Amino acid sequence: MATISNTNVGPAGQVISSTTVNAKFTDVATATATLDVNNVRSEGVDRRTLAASRTEPLAHMSYTNVTGTQAYTSNTGEAPFSITHGGGSGLLLTPNFTLKAGDLLRINFTIRLESHDNNNYVPIVSQTTTPPLGPTLSTGLLFFPVWETASSGSFTVLPNQAVMNNTVSAPALIPFNDANLKTDSAAWCSMEGIESGANRVCKNTVHGAFYYKHTTSDLLVNRIKLNGRGPVAYEWDAGTSAKVIRVPDWGAGPYSSNGWPTSWSLLLGAGQLSMMVIRGDS
């Protein structure tokens, strides 16, 4: 039975030298060259380890990140925008990977709101309309991934997600629910911050994740990117008796009376986007 000696390690507090570290690697190399039946536990070898083509749990991994900052101007919430700063293609992945039935897709992202150009911003706007639009108007930004598959041919929202990537004309509503119009792929970014001249410094970093188990036929995922949208209002809509994402008319009440801009400049900073696929038959 091959064994590895640990007599050349330590004692605790001793200064490490390259000689002792190299000796340990030599011990490992020597021992693994003489493995025998006594080194393998009963049932330690199965069909998976002996397969001609091993099926690993991690079938795919893609990652990208952006650094620095960029101002995204003229935002009204009526249309989404892509995260494109940092050089290269921004927060865009090109996996060209085929999902098979049973595969688990994991998408994770972070993005940082450095500041925006509304120094009069307050997180909750009081209702003065009759009837009121809702108890509160909580305003913020949405960040959400979208994908392009071989079947779609263009970027669409992820499965069973609210239609957050369409262009609308304000005022408008983006409905969502707990069935086929979910928002669990999106991250809500608050816009609170400290007034600094004409801007409000936020330095808010948000994280989002989306986990999806593919259950149908093979699906080629060409591209995945991160979109932003906003500002928008998250509220209870009295007219539909439902929670909605409202795209307000920033030139109308109750916003216009607060001295808010009719379009916004958003300074975004560091971010990352990753995609991982766990093989369903692993």
C-alpha atoms as a PDB file:
ATOM      1  CA  MET A   1       0.000   0.000   0.000  1.00  0.00           C
ATOM      2  CA  ALA A   2       1.401   3.396  -0.995  1.00  0.00           C
ATOM      3  CA  THR A   3       1.664   5.924   1.849  1.00  0.00           C
ATOM      4  CA  ILE A   4       2.848   9.502   2.170  1.00  0.00           C
ATOM      5  CA  SER A   5       5.142  10.541   5.002  1.00  0.00           C
ATOM      6  CA  ASN A   6       4.383  13.800   6.803  1.00  0.00           C
ATOM      7  CA  THR A   7       7.542  13.888   8.880  1.00  0.00           C
ATOM      8  CA  ASN A   8       8.988  16.730   6.813  1.00  0.00           C
ATOM      9  CA  VAL A   9       6.103  19.124   7.632  1.00  0.00           C
ATOM     10  CA  GLY A  10       6.171  21.522  10.587  1.00  0.00           C
ATOM     11  CA  PRO A  11       6.397  22.146  13.400  1.00  0.00           C
ATOM     12  CA  ALA A  12       3.872  24.997  13.590  1.00  0.00           C
ATOM     13  CA  GLY A  13       5.537  28.397  13.429  1.00  0.00           C
ATOM     14  CA  GLN A  14       8.554  27.180  11.495  1.00  0.00           C
ATOM     15  CA  VAL A  15       9.617  29.302   8.514  1.00  0.00           C
ATOM     16  CA  ILE A  16       8.653  27.568   5.260  1.00  0.00           C
ATOM     17  CA  SER A  17      11.443  26.831   2.804  1.00  0.00           C
ATOM     18  CA  SER A  18      11.291  25.766  -0.820  1.00  0.00           C
ATOM     19  CA  THR A  19      13.224  22.607   0.040  1.00  0.00           C
ATOM     20  CA  THR A  20      10.586  21.252   2.455  1.00  0.00           C
ATOM     21  CA  VAL A  21       7.718  22.199   0.141  1.00  0.00           C
ATOM     22  CA  ASN A  22       9.378  20.459  -2.820  1.00  0.00           C
ATOM     23  CA  ALA A  23      10.055  17.409  -0.645  1.00  0.00           C
ATOM     24  CA  LYS A  24       6.345  17.045   0.059  1.00  0.00           C
ATOM     25  CA  PHE A  25       5.471  17.127  -3.634  1.00  0.00           C
ATOM     26  CA  THR A  26       8.168  14.527  -4.237  1.00  0.00           C
ATOM     27  CA  ASP A  27       6.599  12.299  -1.547  1.00  0.00           C
ATOM     28  CA  VAL A  28       3.210  12.560  -3.274  1.00  0.00           C
ATOM     29  CA  ALA A  29       4.671  11.762  -6.693  1.00  0.00           C
ATOM     30  CA  THR A  30       6.528   8.742  -5.307  1.00  0.00           C
ATOM     31  CA  ALA A  31       3.508   7.357  -3.451  1.00  0.00           C
ATOM     32  CA  THR A  32       1.027   7.737  -6.319  1.00  0.00           C
ATOM     33  CA  ALA A  33       3.372   5.762  -8.583  1.00  0.00           C
ATOM     34  CA  THR A  34       2.952   2.671  -6.376  1.00  0.00           C
ATOM     35  CA  LEU A  35      -0.817   2.632  -5.716  1.00  0.00           C
ATOM     36  CA  ASP A  36      -2.270  -0.856  -5.290  1.00  0.00           C
ATOM     37  CA  VAL A  37      -5.525  -2.542  -4.293  1.00  0.00           C
ATOM     38  CA  ASN A  38      -5.095  -1.447  -0.687  1.00  0.00           C
ATOM     39  CA  ASN A  39      -5.325   2.238  -1.709  1.00  0.00           C
ATOM     40  CA  VAL A  40      -8.794   1.873  -3.257  1.00  0.00           C
ATOM     41  CA  ARG A  41     -11.756   1.526  -0.964  1.00  0.00           C
ATOM     42  CA  SER A  42     -14.488  -1.015  -1.693  1.00  0.00           C
ATOM     43  CA  GLU A  43     -16.809   0.355  -4.411  1.00  0.00           C
ATOM     44  CA  GLY A  44     -14.360   3.208  -5.028  1.00  0.00           C
ATOM     45  CA  VAL A  45     -14.320   2.382  -8.751  1.00  0.00           C
ATOM     46  CA  ASP A  46     -17.603   2.403 -10.678  1.00  0.00           C
ATOM     47  CA  ARG A  47     -18.905   2.725 -14.238  1.00  0.00           C
ATOM     48  CA  ARG A  48     -18.519   6.506 -14.184  1.00  0.00           C
ATOM     49  CA  THR A  49     -14.781   6.433 -13.477  1.00  0.00           C
ATOM     50  CA  LEU A  50     -14.233   3.653 -16.038  1.00  0.00           C
ATOM     51  CA  ALA A  51     -16.400   5.150 -18.797  1.00  0.00           C
ATOM     52  CA  ALA A  52     -14.691   5.820 -22.102  1.00  0.00           C
ATOM     53  CA  SER A  53     -16.092   9.369 -22.032  1.00  0.00           C
ATOM     54  CA  ARG A  54     -16.662  10.490 -18.459  1.00  0.00           C
ATOM     55  CA  THR A  55     -19.753  12.601 -17.738  1.00  0.00           C
ATOM     56  CA  GLU A  56     -18.628  15.380 -15.439  1.00  0.00           C
ATOM     57  CA  PRO A  57     -21.138  17.383 -13.384  1.00  0.00           C
ATOM     58  CA  LEU A  58     -19.777  20.702 -14.685  1.00  0.00           C
ATOM     59  CA  ALA A  59     -20.530  20.679 -18.405  1.00  0.00           C
ATOM     60  CA  HIS A  60     -19.925  24.348 -19.164  1.00  0.00           C
ATOM     61  CA  MET A  61     -18.592  27.526 -17.547  1.00  0.00           C
ATOM     62  CA  SER A  62     -18.447  31.042 -19.022  1.00  0.00           C
ATOM     63  CA  TYR A  63     -17.454  34.260 -17.268  1.00  0.00           C
ATOM     64  CA  THR A  64     -16.859  37.900 -18.087  1.00  0.00           C
ATOM     65  CA  ASN A  65     -16.498  41.120 -16.139  1.00  0.00           C
ATOM     66  CA  VAL A  66     -16.301  44.870 -16.633  1.00  0.00           C
ATOM     67  CA  THR A  67     -14.247  47.460 -14.789  1.00  0.00           C
ATOM     68  CA  GLY A  68     -14.160  51.231 -14.787  1.00  0.00           C
ATOM     69  CA  THR A  69     -17.272  53.379 -15.133  1.00  0.00           C
ATOM     70  CA  GLN A  70     -19.548  54.614 -17.876  1.00  0.00           C
ATOM     71  CA  ALA A  71     -22.472  57.035 -17.958  1.00  0.00           C
ATOM     72  CA  TYR A  72     -25.648  55.624 -19.505  1.00  0.00           C
ATOM     73  CA  THR A  73     -27.621  58.713 -20.494  1.00  0.00           C
ATOM     74  CA  SER A  74     -31.185  59.623 -21.505  1.00  0.00           C
ATOM     75  CA  ASN A  75     -32.856  56.830 -19.548  1.00  0.00           C
ATOM     76  CA  THR A  76     -36.600  57.021 -18.973  1.00  0.00           C
ATOM     77  CA  GLY A  77     -37.344  53.377 -18.187  1.00  0.00           C
ATOM     78  CA  GLU A  78     -39.208  52.995 -21.484  1.00  0.00           C
ATOM     79  CA  ALA A  79     -36.492  50.787 -23.009  1.00  0.00           C
ATOM     80  CA  PRO A  80     -33.809  48.441 -21.674  1.00  0.00           C
ATOM     81  CA  PHE A  81     -30.115  49.050 -22.223  1.00  0.00           C
ATOM     82  CA  SER A  82     -27.155  46.676 -22.473  1.00  0.00           C
ATOM     83  CA  ILE A  83     -24.167  46.838 -20.123  1.00  0.00           C
ATOM     84  CA  THR A  84     -21.411  47.596 -22.630  1.00  0.00           C
ATOM     85  CA  HIS A  85     -18.636  49.448 -20.791  1.00  0.00           C
ATOM     86  CA  GLY A  86     -15.233  48.205 -19.669  1.00  0.00           C
ATOM     87  CA  GLY A  87     -13.900  47.547 -23.153  1.00  0.00           C
ATOM     88  CA  GLY A  88     -14.661  44.557 -25.323  1.00  0.00           C
ATOM     89  CA  SER A  89     -18.293  43.444 -25.450  1.00  0.00           C
ATOM     90  CA  GLY A  90     -19.295  44.426 -21.909  1.00  0.00           C
ATOM     91  CA  LEU A  91     -21.346  41.920 -19.934  1.00  0.00           C
ATOM     92  CA  LEU A  92     -21.949  39.530 -22.828  1.00  0.00           C
ATOM     93  CA  LEU A  93     -21.293  35.771 -22.943  1.00  0.00           C
ATOM     94  CA  THR A  94     -21.115  33.690 -26.137  1.00  0.00           C
ATOM     95  CA  PRO A  95     -21.299  30.114 -24.805  1.00  0.00           C
ATOM     96  CA  ASN A  96     -22.702  28.445 -27.967  1.00  0.00           C
ATOM     97  CA  PHE A  97     -23.601  25.567 -25.665  1.00  0.00           C
ATOM     98  CA  THR A  98     -26.396  23.034 -26.129  1.00  0.00           C
ATOM     99  CA  LEU A  99     -28.626  22.373 -23.123  1.00  0.00           C
ATOM    100  CA  LYS A 100     -29.933  18.820 -22.845  1.00  0.00           C
ATOM    101  CA  ALA A 101     -32.940  17.568 -20.924  1.00  0.00           C
ATOM    102  CA  GLY A 102     -32.125  17.499 -17.228  1.00  0.00           C
ATOM    103  CA  ASP A 103     -29.335  20.101 -17.378  1.00  0.00           C
ATOM    104  CA  LEU A 104     -29.275  22.770 -14.679  1.00  0.00           C
ATOM    105  CA  LEU A 105     -28.416  26.266 -15.942  1.00  0.00           C
ATOM    106  CA  ARG A 106     -27.068  28.770 -13.420  1.00  0.00           C
ATOM    107  CA  ILE A 107     -26.628  32.453 -14.292  1.00  0.00           C
ATOM    108  CA  ASN A 108     -25.108  34.882 -11.784  1.00  0.00           C
ATOM    109  CA  PHE A 109     -24.316  38.570 -12.083  1.00  0.00           C
ATOM    110  CA  THR A 110     -23.346  41.679 -10.148  1.00  0.00           C
ATOM    111  CA  ILE A 111     -23.422  45.331 -11.174  1.00  0.00           C
ATOM    112  CA  ARG A 112     -22.668  48.565  -9.335  1.00  0.00           C
ATOM    113  CA  LEU A 113     -24.586  51.844  -9.515  1.00  0.00           C
ATOM    114  CA  GLU A 114     -22.050  54.547  -8.744  1.00  0.00           C
ATOM    115  CA  SER A 115     -24.321  57.603  -9.027  1.00  0.00           C
ATOM    116  CA  HIS A 116     -27.136  59.284 -10.922  1.00  0.00           C
ATOM    117  CA  ASP A 117     -27.977  62.860 -11.821  1.00  0.00           C
ATOM    118  CA  ASN A 118     -31.035  63.456  -9.593  1.00  0.00           C
ATOM    119  CA  ASN A 119     -29.797  65.240  -6.482  1.00  0.00           C
ATOM    120  CA  ASN A 120     -33.424  65.696  -5.373  1.00  0.00           C
ATOM    121  CA  TYR A 121     -34.049  61.947  -5.266  1.00  0.00           C
ATOM    122  CA  VAL A 122     -36.096  60.416  -2.451  1.00  0.00           C
ATOM    123  CA  PRO A 123     -36.822  56.656  -2.356  1.00  0.00           C
ATOM    124  CA  ILE A 124     -40.574  56.921  -1.697  1.00  0.00           C
ATOM    125  CA  VAL A 125     -42.809  59.437  -3.457  1.00  0.00           C
ATOM    126  CA  SER A 126     -45.969  60.511  -1.621  1.00  0.00           C
ATOM    127  CA  GLN A 127     -49.237  59.948  -3.447  1.00  0.00           C
ATOM    128  CA  THR A 128     -51.303  63.007  -4.293  1.00  0.00           C
ATOM    129  CA  THR A 129     -53.407  61.696  -7.176  1.00  0.00           C
ATOM    130  CA  THR A 130     -57.095  60.812  -6.867  1.00  0.00           C
ATOM    131  CA  PRO A 131     -57.506  57.896  -6.888  1.00  0.00           C
ATOM    132  CA  PRO A 132     -53.932  57.156  -5.761  1.00  0.00           C
ATOM    133  CA  LEU A 133     -51.729  55.068  -8.024  1.00  0.00           C
ATOM    134  CA  GLY A 134     -50.831  52.960  -5.006  1.00  0.00           C
ATOM    135  CA  PRO A 135     -49.653  53.206  -1.403  1.00  0.00           C
ATOM    136  CA  THR A 136     -46.128  54.120  -2.436  1.00  0.00           C
ATOM    137  CA  LEU A 137     -44.030  54.657  -5.501  1.00  0.00           C
ATOM    138  CA  SER A 138     -40.728  52.936  -4.760  1.00  0.00           C
ATOM    139  CA  THR A 139     -38.373  53.842  -7.608  1.00  0.00           C
ATOM    140  CA  GLY A 140     -35.223  52.023  -8.654  1.00  0.00           C
ATOM    141  CA  LEU A 141     -33.406  50.165 -11.427  1.00  0.00           C
ATOM    142  CA  LEU A 142     -33.847  46.654 -12.772  1.00  0.00           C
ATOM    143  CA  PHE A 143     -30.936  44.513 -13.952  1.00  0.00           C
ATOM    144  CA  PHE A 144     -31.730  41.208 -15.618  1.00  0.00           C
ATOM    145  CA  PRO A 145     -30.087  38.677 -17.986  1.00  0.00           C
ATOM    146  CA  VAL A 146     -31.532  37.806 -21.389  1.00  0.00           C
ATOM    147  CA  TRP A 147     -30.524  35.076 -23.794  1.00  0.00           C
ATOM    148  CA  GLU A 148     -30.394  34.358 -27.498  1.00  0.00           C
ATOM    149  CA  THR A 149     -31.091  30.751 -28.457  1.00  0.00           C
ATOM    150  CA  ALA A 150     -31.088  29.001 -31.810  1.00  0.00           C
ATOM    151  CA  SER A 151     -34.891  28.861 -31.683  1.00  0.00           C
ATOM    152  CA  SER A 152     -35.406  32.546 -30.789  1.00  0.00           C
ATOM    153  CA  GLY A 153     -32.824  34.139 -33.122  1.00  0.00           C
ATOM    154  CA  SER A 154     -32.766  37.277 -30.941  1.00  0.00           C
ATOM    155  CA  PHE A 155     -32.479  38.219 -27.283  1.00  0.00           C
ATOM    156  CA  THR A 156     -35.506  37.276 -25.181  1.00  0.00           C
ATOM    157  CA  VAL A 157     -36.221  37.052 -21.478  1.00  0.00           C
ATOM    158  CA  LEU A 158     -35.388  33.807 -19.716  1.00  0.00           C
ATOM    159  CA  PRO A 159     -38.065  31.092 -19.304  1.00  0.00           C
ATOM    160  CA  ASN A 160     -41.209  32.181 -17.416  1.00  0.00           C
ATOM    161  CA  GLN A 161     -39.880  35.680 -16.755  1.00  0.00           C
ATOM    162  CA  ALA A 162     -41.746  38.975 -16.979  1.00  0.00           C
ATOM    163  CA  VAL A 163     -41.364  40.806 -20.293  1.00  0.00           C
ATOM    164  CA  MET A 164     -38.815  43.307 -19.022  1.00  0.00           C
ATOM    165  CA  ASN A 165     -36.939  43.749 -22.320  1.00  0.00           C
ATOM    166  CA  ASN A 166     -39.671  45.328 -24.469  1.00  0.00           C
ATOM    167  CA  THR A 167     -39.828  49.001 -25.389  1.00  0.00           C
ATOM    168  CA  VAL A 168     -42.966  50.824 -24.194  1.00  0.00           C
ATOM    169  CA  SER A 169     -44.304  54.379 -24.158  1.00  0.00           C
ATOM    170  CA  ALA A 170     -44.755  55.998 -20.754  1.00  0.00           C
ATOM    171  CA  PRO A 171     -46.864  55.796 -18.748  1.00  0.00           C
ATOM    172  CA  ALA A 172     -46.983  52.013 -18.976  1.00  0.00           C
ATOM    173  CA  LEU A 173     -47.149  48.900 -16.830  1.00  0.00           C
ATOM    174  CA  ILE A 174     -45.007  45.746 -16.915  1.00  0.00           C
ATOM    175  CA  PRO A 175     -47.086  43.042 -15.205  1.00  0.00           C
ATOM    176  CA  PHE A 176     -45.588  40.140 -13.285  1.00  0.00           C
ATOM    177  CA  ASN A 177     -46.841  37.149 -11.310  1.00  0.00           C
ATOM    178  CA  ASP A 178     -45.664  33.935  -9.642  1.00  0.00           C
ATOM    179  CA  ALA A 179     -46.352  31.703 -12.660  1.00  0.00           C
ATOM    180  CA  ASN A 180     -45.153  32.630 -16.155  1.00  0.00           C
ATOM    181  CA  LEU A 181     -44.215  36.305 -15.605  1.00  0.00           C
ATOM    182  CA  LYS A 182     -41.733  36.068 -12.777  1.00  0.00           C
ATOM    183  CA  THR A 183     -39.019  38.527 -11.767  1.00  0.00           C
ATOM    184  CA  ASP A 184     -36.695  36.119  -9.947  1.00  0.00           C
ATOM    185  CA  SER A 185     -33.993  36.594 -12.599  1.00  0.00           C
ATOM    186  CA  ALA A 186     -33.878  40.354 -11.937  1.00  0.00           C
ATOM    187  CA  ALA A 187     -32.059  42.393  -9.299  1.00  0.00           C
ATOM    188  CA  TRP A 188     -33.654  45.550  -7.918  1.00  0.00           C
ATOM    189  CA  CYS A 189     -31.170  48.360  -7.364  1.00  0.00           C
ATOM    190  CA  SER A 190     -32.185  51.154  -5.021  1.00  0.00           C
ATOM    191  CA  MET A 191     -31.086  54.672  -5.904  1.00  0.00           C
ATOM    192  CA  GLU A 192     -30.560  56.142  -2.453  1.00  0.00           C
ATOM    193  CA  GLY A 193     -27.332  57.991  -1.983  1.00  0.00           C
ATOM    194  CA  ILE A 194     -25.574  61.094  -0.765  1.00  0.00           C
ATOM    195  CA  GLU A 195     -26.117  64.405  -2.496  1.00  0.00           C
ATOM    196  CA  SER A 196     -22.960  65.604  -4.225  1.00  0.00           C
ATOM    197  CA  GLY A 197     -23.430  68.730  -6.314  1.00  0.00           C
ATOM    198  CA  ALA A 198     -25.853  67.963  -9.123  1.00  0.00           C
ATOM    199  CA  ASN A 199     -25.566  64.206  -8.555  1.00  0.00           C
ATOM    200  CA  ARG A 200     -26.470  61.622  -5.941  1.00  0.00           C
ATOM    201  CA  VAL A 201     -23.616  59.227  -5.106  1.00  0.00           C
ATOM    202  CA  CYS A 202     -25.028  55.738  -4.482  1.00  0.00           C
ATOM    203  CA  LYS A 203     -22.269  53.095  -4.704  1.00  0.00           C
ATOM    204  CA  ASN A 204     -24.902  50.344  -4.567  1.00  0.00           C
ATOM    205  CA  THR A 205     -23.834  46.884  -5.768  1.00  0.00           C
ATOM    206  CA  VAL A 206     -26.550  44.325  -6.475  1.00  0.00           C
ATOM    207  CA  HIS A 207     -26.385  40.604  -7.197  1.00  0.00           C
ATOM    208  CA  GLY A 208     -28.795  38.473  -9.183  1.00  0.00           C
ATOM    209  CA  ALA A 209     -29.098  34.782  -9.962  1.00  0.00           C
ATOM    210  CA  PHE A 210     -31.288  32.579 -12.143  1.00  0.00           C
ATOM    211  CA  TYR A 211     -31.446  28.781 -11.924  1.00  0.00           C
ATOM    212  CA  TYR A 212     -33.270  26.867 -14.631  1.00  0.00           C
ATOM    213  CA  LYS A 213     -33.691  23.119 -15.181  1.00  0.00           C
ATOM    214  CA  HIS A 214     -34.081  22.339 -18.867  1.00  0.00           C
ATOM    215  CA  THR A 215     -36.690  19.635 -19.467  1.00  0.00           C
ATOM    216  CA  THR A 216     -37.332  19.585 -23.204  1.00  0.00           C
ATOM    217  CA  SER A 217     -35.335  18.814 -26.350  1.00  0.00           C
ATOM    218  CA  ASP A 218     -31.803  20.063 -27.029  1.00  0.00           C
ATOM    219  CA  LEU A 219     -31.537  23.872 -26.972  1.00  0.00           C
ATOM    220  CA  LEU A 220     -28.525  25.783 -28.299  1.00  0.00           C
ATOM    221  CA  VAL A 221     -27.734  28.870 -26.201  1.00  0.00           C
ATOM    222  CA  ASN A 222     -25.846  31.289 -28.430  1.00  0.00           C
ATOM    223  CA  ARG A 223     -25.472  34.368 -26.227  1.00  0.00           C
ATOM    224  CA  ILE A 224     -26.363  35.725 -22.786  1.00  0.00           C
ATOM    225  CA  LYS A 225     -26.083  39.378 -21.768  1.00  0.00           C
ATOM    226  CA  LEU A 226     -27.035  41.634 -18.882  1.00  0.00           C
ATOM    227  CA  ASN A 227     -29.619  44.357 -19.445  1.00  0.00           C
ATOM    228  CA  GLY A 228     -30.565  47.315 -17.300  1.00  0.00           C
ATOM    229  CA  ARG A 229     -33.820  49.246 -17.164  1.00  0.00           C
ATOM    230  CA  GLY A 230     -35.008  52.280 -15.315  1.00  0.00           C
ATOM    231  CA  PRO A 231     -35.724  54.152 -13.361  1.00  0.00           C
ATOM    232  CA  VAL A 232     -39.039  52.392 -12.867  1.00  0.00           C
ATOM    233  CA  ALA A 233     -41.523  52.233 -10.010  1.00  0.00           C
ATOM    234  CA  TYR A 234     -42.410  49.056  -8.127  1.00  0.00           C
ATOM    235  CA  GLU A 235     -45.882  49.375  -6.680  1.00  0.00           C
ATOM    236  CA  TRP A 236     -49.369  48.069  -6.072  1.00  0.00           C
ATOM    237  CA  ASP A 237     -51.648  49.162  -8.890  1.00  0.00           C
ATOM    238  CA  ALA A 238     -55.151  49.989  -7.683  1.00  0.00           C
ATOM    239  CA  GLY A 239     -56.566  49.737 -11.198  1.00  0.00           C
ATOM    240  CA  THR A 240     -55.509  46.124 -11.760  1.00  0.00           C
ATOM    241  CA  SER A 241     -55.337  45.105  -8.079  1.00  0.00           C
ATOM    242  CA  ALA A 242     -51.889  43.662  -8.684  1.00  0.00           C
ATOM    243  CA  LYS A 243     -48.228  44.394  -8.135  1.00  0.00           C
ATOM    244  CA  VAL A 244     -46.675  45.970 -11.221  1.00  0.00           C
ATOM    245  CA  ILE A 245     -43.529  47.563 -12.538  1.00  0.00           C
ATOM    246  CA  ARG A 246     -44.608  51.021 -13.645  1.00  0.00           C
ATOM    247  CA  VAL A 247     -42.791  53.023 -16.295  1.00  0.00           C
ATOM    248  CA  PRO A 248     -43.779  56.545 -15.224  1.00  0.00           C
ATOM    249  CA  ASP A 249     -44.024  59.748 -17.167  1.00  0.00           C
ATOM    250  CA  TRP A 250     -41.315  61.647 -15.309  1.00  0.00           C
ATOM    251  CA  GLY A 251     -42.701  64.954 -16.550  1.00  0.00           C
ATOM    252  CA  ALA A 252     -46.045  64.372 -14.809  1.00  0.00           C
ATOM    253  CA  GLY A 253     -47.137  64.183 -11.183  1.00  0.00           C
ATOM    254  CA  PRO A 254     -46.183  63.243  -8.615  1.00  0.00           C
ATOM    255  CA  TYR A 255     -42.618  63.395  -9.973  1.00  0.00           C
ATOM    256  CA  SER A 256     -42.593  66.740 -11.747  1.00  0.00           C
ATOM    257  CA  SER A 257     -43.395  68.604  -8.539  1.00  0.00           C
ATOM    258  CA  ASN A 258     -40.226  67.202  -6.949  1.00  0.00           C
ATOM    259  CA  GLY A 259     -37.928  68.782  -9.516  1.00  0.00           C
ATOM    260  CA  TRP A 260     -36.906  65.401 -10.944  1.00  0.00           C
ATOM    261  CA  PRO A 261     -35.378  65.089 -14.440  1.00  0.00           C
ATOM    262  CA  THR A 262     -37.494  63.799 -17.309  1.00  0.00           C
ATOM    263  CA  SER A 263     -34.611  61.501 -18.296  1.00  0.00           C
ATOM    264  CA  TRP A 264     -31.763  60.182 -16.189  1.00  0.00           C
ATOM    265  CA  SER A 265     -28.016  59.706 -16.460  1.00  0.00           C
ATOM    266  CA  LEU A 266     -26.776  56.589 -14.641  1.00  0.00           C
ATOM    267  CA  LEU A 267     -23.096  56.050 -13.852  1.00  0.00           C
ATOM    268  CA  LEU A 268     -22.425  52.296 -13.681  1.00  0.00           C
ATOM    269  CA  GLY A 269     -19.257  50.632 -12.419  1.00  0.00           C
ATOM    270  CA  ALA A 270     -17.797  47.166 -12.000  1.00  0.00           C
ATOM    271  CA  GLY A 271     -19.849  44.091 -12.813  1.00  0.00           C
ATOM    272  CA  GLN A 272     -19.626  40.435 -13.740  1.00  0.00           C
ATOM    273  CA  LEU A 273     -21.717  37.834 -15.541  1.00  0.00           C
ATOM    274  CA  SER A 274     -21.290  34.065 -15.420  1.00  0.00           C
ATOM    275  CA  MET A 275     -23.031  30.988 -16.784  1.00  0.00           C
ATOM    276  CA  MET A 276     -22.661  27.453 -15.474  1.00  0.00           C
ATOM    277  CA  VAL A 277     -24.300  24.231 -16.658  1.00  0.00           C
ATOM    278  CA  ILE A 278     -24.512  21.126 -14.453  1.00  0.00           C
ATOM    279  CA  ARG A 279     -25.014  18.038 -16.591  1.00  0.00           C
ATOM    280  CA  GLY A 280     -28.327  16.368 -15.886  1.00  0.00           C
ATOM    281  CA  ASP A 281     -27.051  12.783 -16.191  1.00  0.00           C
ATOM    282  CA  SER A 282     -23.916  13.319 -14.095  1.00  0.00           C
END
